[in-house]
Amino acid sequence: MNRDGRNRTRTYTAGALALLAFATACGDGGGAAPAATTTAAAEPRPAAVGGAPTAAATTPDAAPAEGDAAAWAKWNLKPLAPAPAPPADKPIKLERTGTVPVFSDVKTTDKVVFITIDDGAEKDPKFVEMLTDLKVPITMFLTKDIVKNDYGYFKPLQALGNHIQNHTVTHPVMSKLPPDKQKSEICDDQAALTQQYGTAPLLFRPPFGDGANTPTLNNSVQQCGPRAIVLWRESMQIHDMQYQTGDKKLKPGDIILAHFRGPKELKGATMTQMFGDLLARIQEQGFAVARLDDYIQPPAS
């Protein structure tokens, strides 16, 4: 997303520029994603990125949210409520083999939502500073051809405990690809992200949410290593969210989609401004932001 007066330049291949233009909304066609087929609490659900650090549990009398009040004031924001302790019995459980589950929310009564950020186009150093200050957990779904010019940008975000997940190599419409091409899109991104960040992604998000519930895509995901397909319930635009429900309200366990985007795509707004507006919308509705991986049980080794 955005960059606050950054002087860094970056070079994209022509192919990456084309896919970025095509993917500006990356699933934001009205904020809705294809309905997930795996949503019941008793059904197997996707597990989190393996082995990344888990945020410490906070209590109601702990410091506001994941950072201190001064840090929130620095970004002109009100502190979020602290997230509750992660559940011992994870509502989403991943299996080591077989069909992977598809989900767009987590079945929980905790008043929490989960922030996911896609693609990786905007590499704004101010956003790294913001997350370092606020310690709001995110999950990153990265596209190889968009991030390969600067893999290093995402390492400080990963060091904060934020997991990196699979979002294909070139950001295609997956249902339009033959099975072998689907597989290469997922497997090649899996290999690159594993090599660069030291942990194999356990979650996959198809660009635009396309093909999420098809047997062909599910089979391709299984062959490449991720153990769940993750969609979303809300998508963050520039200053507000688009909802899939008519009441336009967050629900416990909702997954929110945002993007690494800059002023060009955000009509002059920076990534930190967009993310600040997202946090303000969450705070207004009285929700905390939890770490998605804290609600997912990885497959048994």
Protein backbone atom coordinates (compact mmCIF):
# COMPACT_ATOMS: atom_id res chain seq x y z
CA MET A 1 0.00 0.00 0.00
CA ASN A 2 1.31 3.42 0.79
CA ARG A 3 4.47 5.25 1.20
CA ASP A 4 4.83 8.54 3.20
CA GLY A 5 7.31 10.55 1.16
CA ARG A 6 9.60 7.67 0.47
CA ASN A 7 12.46 8.23 -1.95
CA ARG A 8 13.08 4.59 -2.64
CA THR A 9 12.57 3.45 -6.20
CA ARG A 10 11.86 0.00 -7.37
CA THR A 11 11.95 -1.71 -10.71
CA TYR A 12 9.27 -4.04 -11.91
CA THR A 13 9.40 -6.27 -14.91
CA ALA A 14 6.87 -5.45 -17.60
CA GLY A 15 5.01 -8.59 -16.65
CA ALA A 16 4.84 -7.58 -12.98
CA LEU A 17 3.53 -4.12 -13.90
CA ALA A 18 0.86 -5.68 -16.05
CA LEU A 19 -0.26 -8.06 -13.35
CA LEU A 20 -0.24 -5.24 -10.77
CA ALA A 21 -2.52 -3.13 -12.93
CA PHE A 22 -4.76 -6.13 -13.41
CA ALA A 23 -4.68 -6.95 -9.69
CA THR A 24 -5.23 -3.49 -8.19
CA ALA A 25 -8.43 -4.71 -6.61
CA CYS A 26 -7.13 -8.28 -6.08
CA GLY A 27 -10.44 -9.73 -5.18
CA ASP A 28 -12.13 -6.45 -4.37
CA GLY A 29 -14.89 -6.72 -6.92
CA GLY A 30 -17.42 -5.22 -4.57
CA GLY A 31 -15.63 -6.62 -1.54
CA ALA A 32 -17.00 -10.12 -1.90
CA ALA A 33 -15.07 -13.31 -2.37
CA PRO A 34 -16.46 -16.65 -3.46
CA ALA A 35 -18.25 -18.24 -0.55
CA ALA A 36 -16.09 -20.62 1.42
CA THR A 37 -17.33 -24.15 1.55
CA THR A 38 -15.69 -25.01 4.86
CA THR A 39 -17.17 -22.90 7.63
CA ALA A 40 -18.68 -25.15 10.30
CA ALA A 41 -16.74 -25.18 13.55
CA ALA A 42 -16.54 -28.96 13.56
CA GLU A 43 -15.05 -29.17 10.07
CA PRO A 44 -11.29 -29.20 9.51
CA ARG A 45 -9.95 -25.71 8.99
CA PRO A 46 -6.70 -24.32 7.69
CA ALA A 47 -3.71 -24.08 9.89
CA ALA A 48 -1.39 -21.21 10.32
CA VAL A 49 2.04 -20.64 9.11
CA GLY A 50 4.28 -23.15 10.73
CA GLY A 51 6.53 -22.25 13.54
CA ALA A 52 6.37 -18.46 13.58
CA PRO A 53 6.40 -16.69 16.94
CA THR A 54 3.07 -16.31 18.69
CA ALA A 55 1.97 -13.02 20.22
CA ALA A 56 1.92 -13.03 23.99
CA ALA A 57 -1.52 -13.19 25.55
CA THR A 58 -2.80 -9.93 26.96
CA THR A 59 -5.27 -9.27 29.72
CA PRO A 60 -7.88 -6.52 30.05
CA ASP A 61 -5.57 -4.55 32.36
CA ALA A 62 -2.59 -4.80 30.01
CA ALA A 63 -1.32 -1.88 27.94
CA PRO A 64 -3.79 -0.82 25.22
CA ALA A 65 -3.89 -3.23 22.31
CA GLU A 66 -0.53 -4.48 21.07
CA GLY A 67 1.36 -1.22 21.63
CA ASP A 68 1.36 1.62 24.13
CA ALA A 69 -0.86 4.70 24.14
CA ALA A 70 1.95 7.02 23.07
CA ALA A 71 2.62 4.90 20.01
CA TRP A 72 -1.02 5.07 18.98
CA ALA A 73 -1.09 8.84 19.53
CA LYS A 74 1.96 9.18 17.27
CA TRP A 75 -0.17 7.84 14.41
CA ASN A 76 -3.25 9.87 15.46
CA LEU A 77 -5.16 6.74 16.40
CA LYS A 78 -7.10 5.52 19.39
CA PRO A 79 -5.72 2.26 20.84
CA LEU A 80 -7.50 -0.93 19.93
CA ALA A 81 -8.79 -3.20 22.66
CA PRO A 82 -6.21 -5.86 23.59
CA ALA A 83 -6.72 -9.24 21.96
CA PRO A 84 -7.73 -12.07 24.32
CA ALA A 85 -5.45 -14.98 25.02
CA PRO A 86 -5.35 -17.40 22.06
CA PRO A 87 -7.73 -20.35 22.45
CA ALA A 88 -6.19 -23.60 23.63
CA ASP A 89 -8.55 -25.53 21.37
CA LYS A 90 -7.92 -24.04 17.95
CA PRO A 91 -11.16 -23.60 15.94
CA ILE A 92 -9.33 -24.27 12.66
CA LYS A 93 -7.47 -27.55 12.46
CA LEU A 94 -5.32 -28.53 9.49
CA GLU A 95 -4.70 -32.04 8.26
CA ARG A 96 -1.38 -33.15 6.80
CA THR A 97 -2.94 -34.76 3.71
CA GLY A 98 -6.18 -34.77 1.75
CA THR A 99 -8.53 -32.04 0.57
CA VAL A 100 -7.68 -28.63 2.00
CA PRO A 101 -10.42 -26.58 3.70
CA VAL A 102 -11.60 -23.21 2.39
CA PHE A 103 -12.51 -20.52 4.92
CA SER A 104 -13.26 -16.80 5.05
CA ASP A 105 -13.72 -16.43 8.80
CA VAL A 106 -12.87 -18.21 12.03
CA LYS A 107 -15.61 -19.65 14.20
CA THR A 108 -15.06 -17.90 17.53
CA THR A 109 -17.00 -15.92 20.11
CA ASP A 110 -13.94 -13.73 20.76
CA LYS A 111 -14.56 -10.19 19.58
CA VAL A 112 -11.60 -10.27 17.24
CA VAL A 113 -10.94 -9.85 13.53
CA PHE A 114 -7.90 -10.82 11.45
CA ILE A 115 -6.05 -8.55 9.00
CA THR A 116 -4.53 -10.02 5.85
CA ILE A 117 -2.52 -7.97 3.34
CA ASP A 118 -1.95 -9.15 -0.24
CA ASP A 119 0.45 -8.87 -3.15
CA GLY A 120 3.39 -6.78 -1.84
CA ALA A 121 3.50 -3.98 -4.42
CA GLU A 122 3.99 -1.01 -2.10
CA LYS A 123 7.11 -1.26 0.04
CA ASP A 124 6.67 1.74 2.30
CA PRO A 125 9.26 1.99 5.11
CA LYS A 126 6.80 4.08 7.13
CA PHE A 127 4.47 1.07 7.25
CA VAL A 128 7.23 -1.02 8.82
CA GLU A 129 7.69 1.77 11.38
CA MET A 130 3.94 1.85 12.02
CA LEU A 131 3.65 -1.88 12.68
CA THR A 132 6.79 -1.82 14.81
CA ASP A 133 5.17 0.87 16.96
CA LEU A 134 1.65 -0.53 17.13
CA LYS A 135 2.42 -4.27 17.04
CA VAL A 136 -0.85 -5.02 15.25
CA PRO A 137 -0.63 -8.58 13.84
CA ILE A 138 -1.11 -9.14 10.12
CA THR A 139 -0.83 -12.06 7.72
CA MET A 140 0.91 -11.40 4.39
CA PHE A 141 -0.03 -13.21 1.15
CA LEU A 142 2.84 -12.39 -1.23
CA THR A 143 3.11 -12.69 -5.02
CA LYS A 144 6.60 -13.63 -6.24
CA ASP A 145 6.79 -11.40 -9.32
CA ILE A 146 5.66 -8.40 -7.28
CA VAL A 147 8.02 -8.86 -4.32
CA LYS A 148 11.12 -10.40 -5.93
CA ASN A 149 12.74 -7.00 -6.49
CA ASP A 150 12.89 -6.48 -2.72
CA TYR A 151 12.30 -9.61 -0.64
CA GLY A 152 14.10 -7.87 2.20
CA TYR A 153 11.36 -5.31 2.76
CA PHE A 154 9.07 -7.92 4.31
CA LYS A 155 11.66 -9.43 6.68
CA PRO A 156 11.25 -6.78 9.43
CA LEU A 157 7.50 -7.36 9.25
CA GLN A 158 8.09 -11.11 9.52
CA ALA A 159 10.41 -10.51 12.49
CA LEU A 160 7.45 -8.95 14.32
CA GLY A 161 5.76 -12.38 14.21
CA ASN A 162 3.76 -11.81 11.03
CA HIS A 163 3.56 -14.86 8.80
CA ILE A 164 4.13 -14.95 5.05
CA GLN A 165 1.75 -16.98 2.87
CA ASN A 166 1.32 -18.04 -0.75
CA HIS A 167 -0.41 -15.81 -3.35
CA THR A 168 0.96 -17.23 -6.68
CA VAL A 169 3.82 -16.11 -8.92
CA THR A 170 2.05 -13.78 -11.38
CA HIS A 171 -1.39 -13.14 -9.83
CA PRO A 172 -3.51 -14.82 -12.55
CA VAL A 173 -7.19 -15.72 -12.68
CA MET A 174 -6.66 -19.29 -11.57
CA SER A 175 -9.82 -20.84 -13.02
CA LYS A 176 -8.64 -19.86 -16.51
CA LEU A 177 -5.42 -21.86 -16.17
CA PRO A 178 -4.93 -25.56 -16.94
CA PRO A 179 -4.00 -27.76 -13.95
CA ASP A 180 -0.26 -27.81 -14.74
CA LYS A 181 -0.11 -24.02 -14.87
CA GLN A 182 -2.11 -23.69 -11.65
CA LYS A 183 0.38 -25.99 -10.01
CA SER A 184 3.42 -24.05 -11.23
CA GLU A 185 1.91 -20.75 -10.03
CA ILE A 186 1.47 -22.13 -6.52
CA CYS A 187 4.52 -24.40 -6.27
CA ASP A 188 6.98 -21.83 -7.64
CA ASP A 189 5.72 -19.16 -5.22
CA GLN A 190 5.90 -21.73 -2.41
CA ALA A 191 9.53 -22.51 -3.23
CA ALA A 192 10.57 -18.87 -3.51
CA LEU A 193 8.90 -17.76 -0.28
CA THR A 194 10.25 -20.76 1.62
CA GLN A 195 13.78 -20.02 0.44
CA GLN A 196 13.59 -16.31 1.19
CA TYR A 197 11.78 -16.40 4.53
CA GLY A 198 12.79 -19.76 5.97
CA THR A 199 9.28 -21.14 6.56
CA ALA A 200 7.02 -22.89 4.09
CA PRO A 201 3.63 -21.17 3.76
CA LEU A 202 0.72 -23.24 5.07
CA LEU A 203 -1.99 -20.97 3.69
CA PHE A 204 -2.87 -20.05 0.11
CA ARG A 205 -5.05 -17.27 -1.27
CA PRO A 206 -6.07 -17.40 -4.95
CA PRO A 207 -5.99 -13.99 -6.66
CA PHE A 208 -9.47 -12.43 -6.64
CA GLY A 209 -10.65 -15.48 -4.65
CA ASP A 210 -11.12 -17.09 -8.05
CA GLY A 211 -11.48 -20.86 -8.23
CA ALA A 212 -11.26 -21.27 -4.46
CA ASN A 213 -13.97 -23.93 -4.32
CA THR A 214 -12.99 -25.89 -7.43
CA PRO A 215 -11.56 -29.43 -7.19
CA THR A 216 -8.81 -28.55 -9.70
CA LEU A 217 -7.43 -25.69 -7.61
CA ASN A 218 -7.79 -27.67 -4.40
CA ASN A 219 -5.74 -30.47 -5.91
CA SER A 220 -3.06 -28.03 -7.08
CA VAL A 221 -2.80 -26.52 -3.59
CA GLN A 222 -2.44 -29.99 -2.07
CA GLN A 223 0.46 -30.82 -4.39
CA CYS A 224 2.37 -27.64 -3.52
CA GLY A 225 2.28 -27.69 0.27
CA PRO A 226 -0.25 -25.17 1.65
CA ARG A 227 -2.92 -26.83 3.77
CA ALA A 228 -5.79 -24.33 3.51
CA ILE A 229 -7.32 -21.78 1.16
CA VAL A 230 -8.11 -18.44 2.82
CA LEU A 231 -10.73 -15.96 1.57
CA TRP A 232 -12.23 -12.95 3.39
CA ARG A 233 -15.39 -11.29 4.69
CA GLU A 234 -14.49 -7.61 4.30
CA SER A 235 -12.07 -5.72 2.08
CA MET A 236 -10.43 -2.41 2.93
CA GLN A 237 -10.59 0.25 0.25
CA ILE A 238 -9.03 3.68 0.85
CA HIS A 239 -10.92 5.09 3.84
CA ASP A 240 -13.59 2.47 4.51
CA MET A 241 -14.43 -1.18 4.11
CA GLN A 242 -16.68 -3.11 1.77
CA TYR A 243 -18.79 -5.76 3.47
CA GLN A 244 -20.36 -8.98 2.26
CA THR A 245 -23.31 -8.57 4.62
CA GLY A 246 -26.09 -6.02 4.34
CA ASP A 247 -25.72 -4.75 7.90
CA LYS A 248 -22.16 -3.60 7.13
CA LYS A 249 -20.84 -4.76 10.48
CA LEU A 250 -17.85 -6.78 11.52
CA LYS A 251 -18.51 -10.16 13.10
CA PRO A 252 -16.29 -12.11 15.52
CA GLY A 253 -13.69 -14.04 13.57
CA ASP A 254 -13.99 -12.08 10.30
CA ILE A 255 -10.98 -12.04 7.98
CA ILE A 256 -10.30 -8.64 6.40
CA LEU A 257 -8.53 -8.24 3.06
CA ALA A 258 -6.20 -5.28 2.42
CA HIS A 259 -3.32 -4.70 -0.01
CA PHE A 260 0.20 -3.32 -0.08
CA ARG A 261 -0.75 -0.23 -2.09
CA GLY A 262 0.60 3.31 -2.52
CA PRO A 263 -0.68 6.79 -3.42
CA LYS A 264 -1.09 5.94 -7.12
CA GLU A 265 -3.61 3.19 -6.35
CA LEU A 266 -5.10 4.91 -3.28
CA LYS A 267 -5.90 8.25 -4.93
CA GLY A 268 -3.11 10.05 -3.11
CA ALA A 269 -3.46 8.35 0.26
CA THR A 270 -0.44 6.57 1.71
CA MET A 271 -0.36 3.01 2.92
CA THR A 272 -0.08 4.14 6.53
CA GLN A 273 -3.12 6.39 6.09
CA MET A 274 -5.12 3.53 4.61
CA PHE A 275 -4.04 1.17 7.39
CA GLY A 276 -4.80 3.81 10.02
CA ASP A 277 -8.30 4.18 8.61
CA LEU A 278 -8.71 0.39 8.72
CA LEU A 279 -7.71 0.32 12.39
CA ALA A 280 -10.09 3.21 13.11
CA ARG A 281 -13.00 1.31 11.53
CA ILE A 282 -12.14 -1.74 13.65
CA GLN A 283 -11.81 0.36 16.81
CA GLU A 284 -15.15 2.09 16.20
CA GLN A 285 -16.89 -1.29 16.25
CA GLY A 286 -15.15 -2.38 19.43
CA PHE A 287 -13.04 -5.20 17.98
CA ALA A 288 -9.48 -6.30 18.70
CA VAL A 289 -7.08 -7.58 16.04
CA ALA A 290 -5.80 -11.10 16.71
CA ARG A 291 -3.13 -13.16 15.01
CA LEU A 292 -4.72 -15.58 12.54
CA ASP A 293 -2.16 -18.27 13.33
CA ASP A 294 -3.18 -18.23 16.99
CA TYR A 295 -6.56 -19.68 15.94
CA ILE A 296 -5.16 -22.35 13.64
CA GLN A 297 -3.71 -25.73 14.55
CA PRO A 298 -1.03 -26.83 12.09
CA PRO A 299 -1.10 -30.41 10.83
CA ALA A 300 0.60 -33.02 12.97
CA SER A 301 4.13 -33.65 11.83
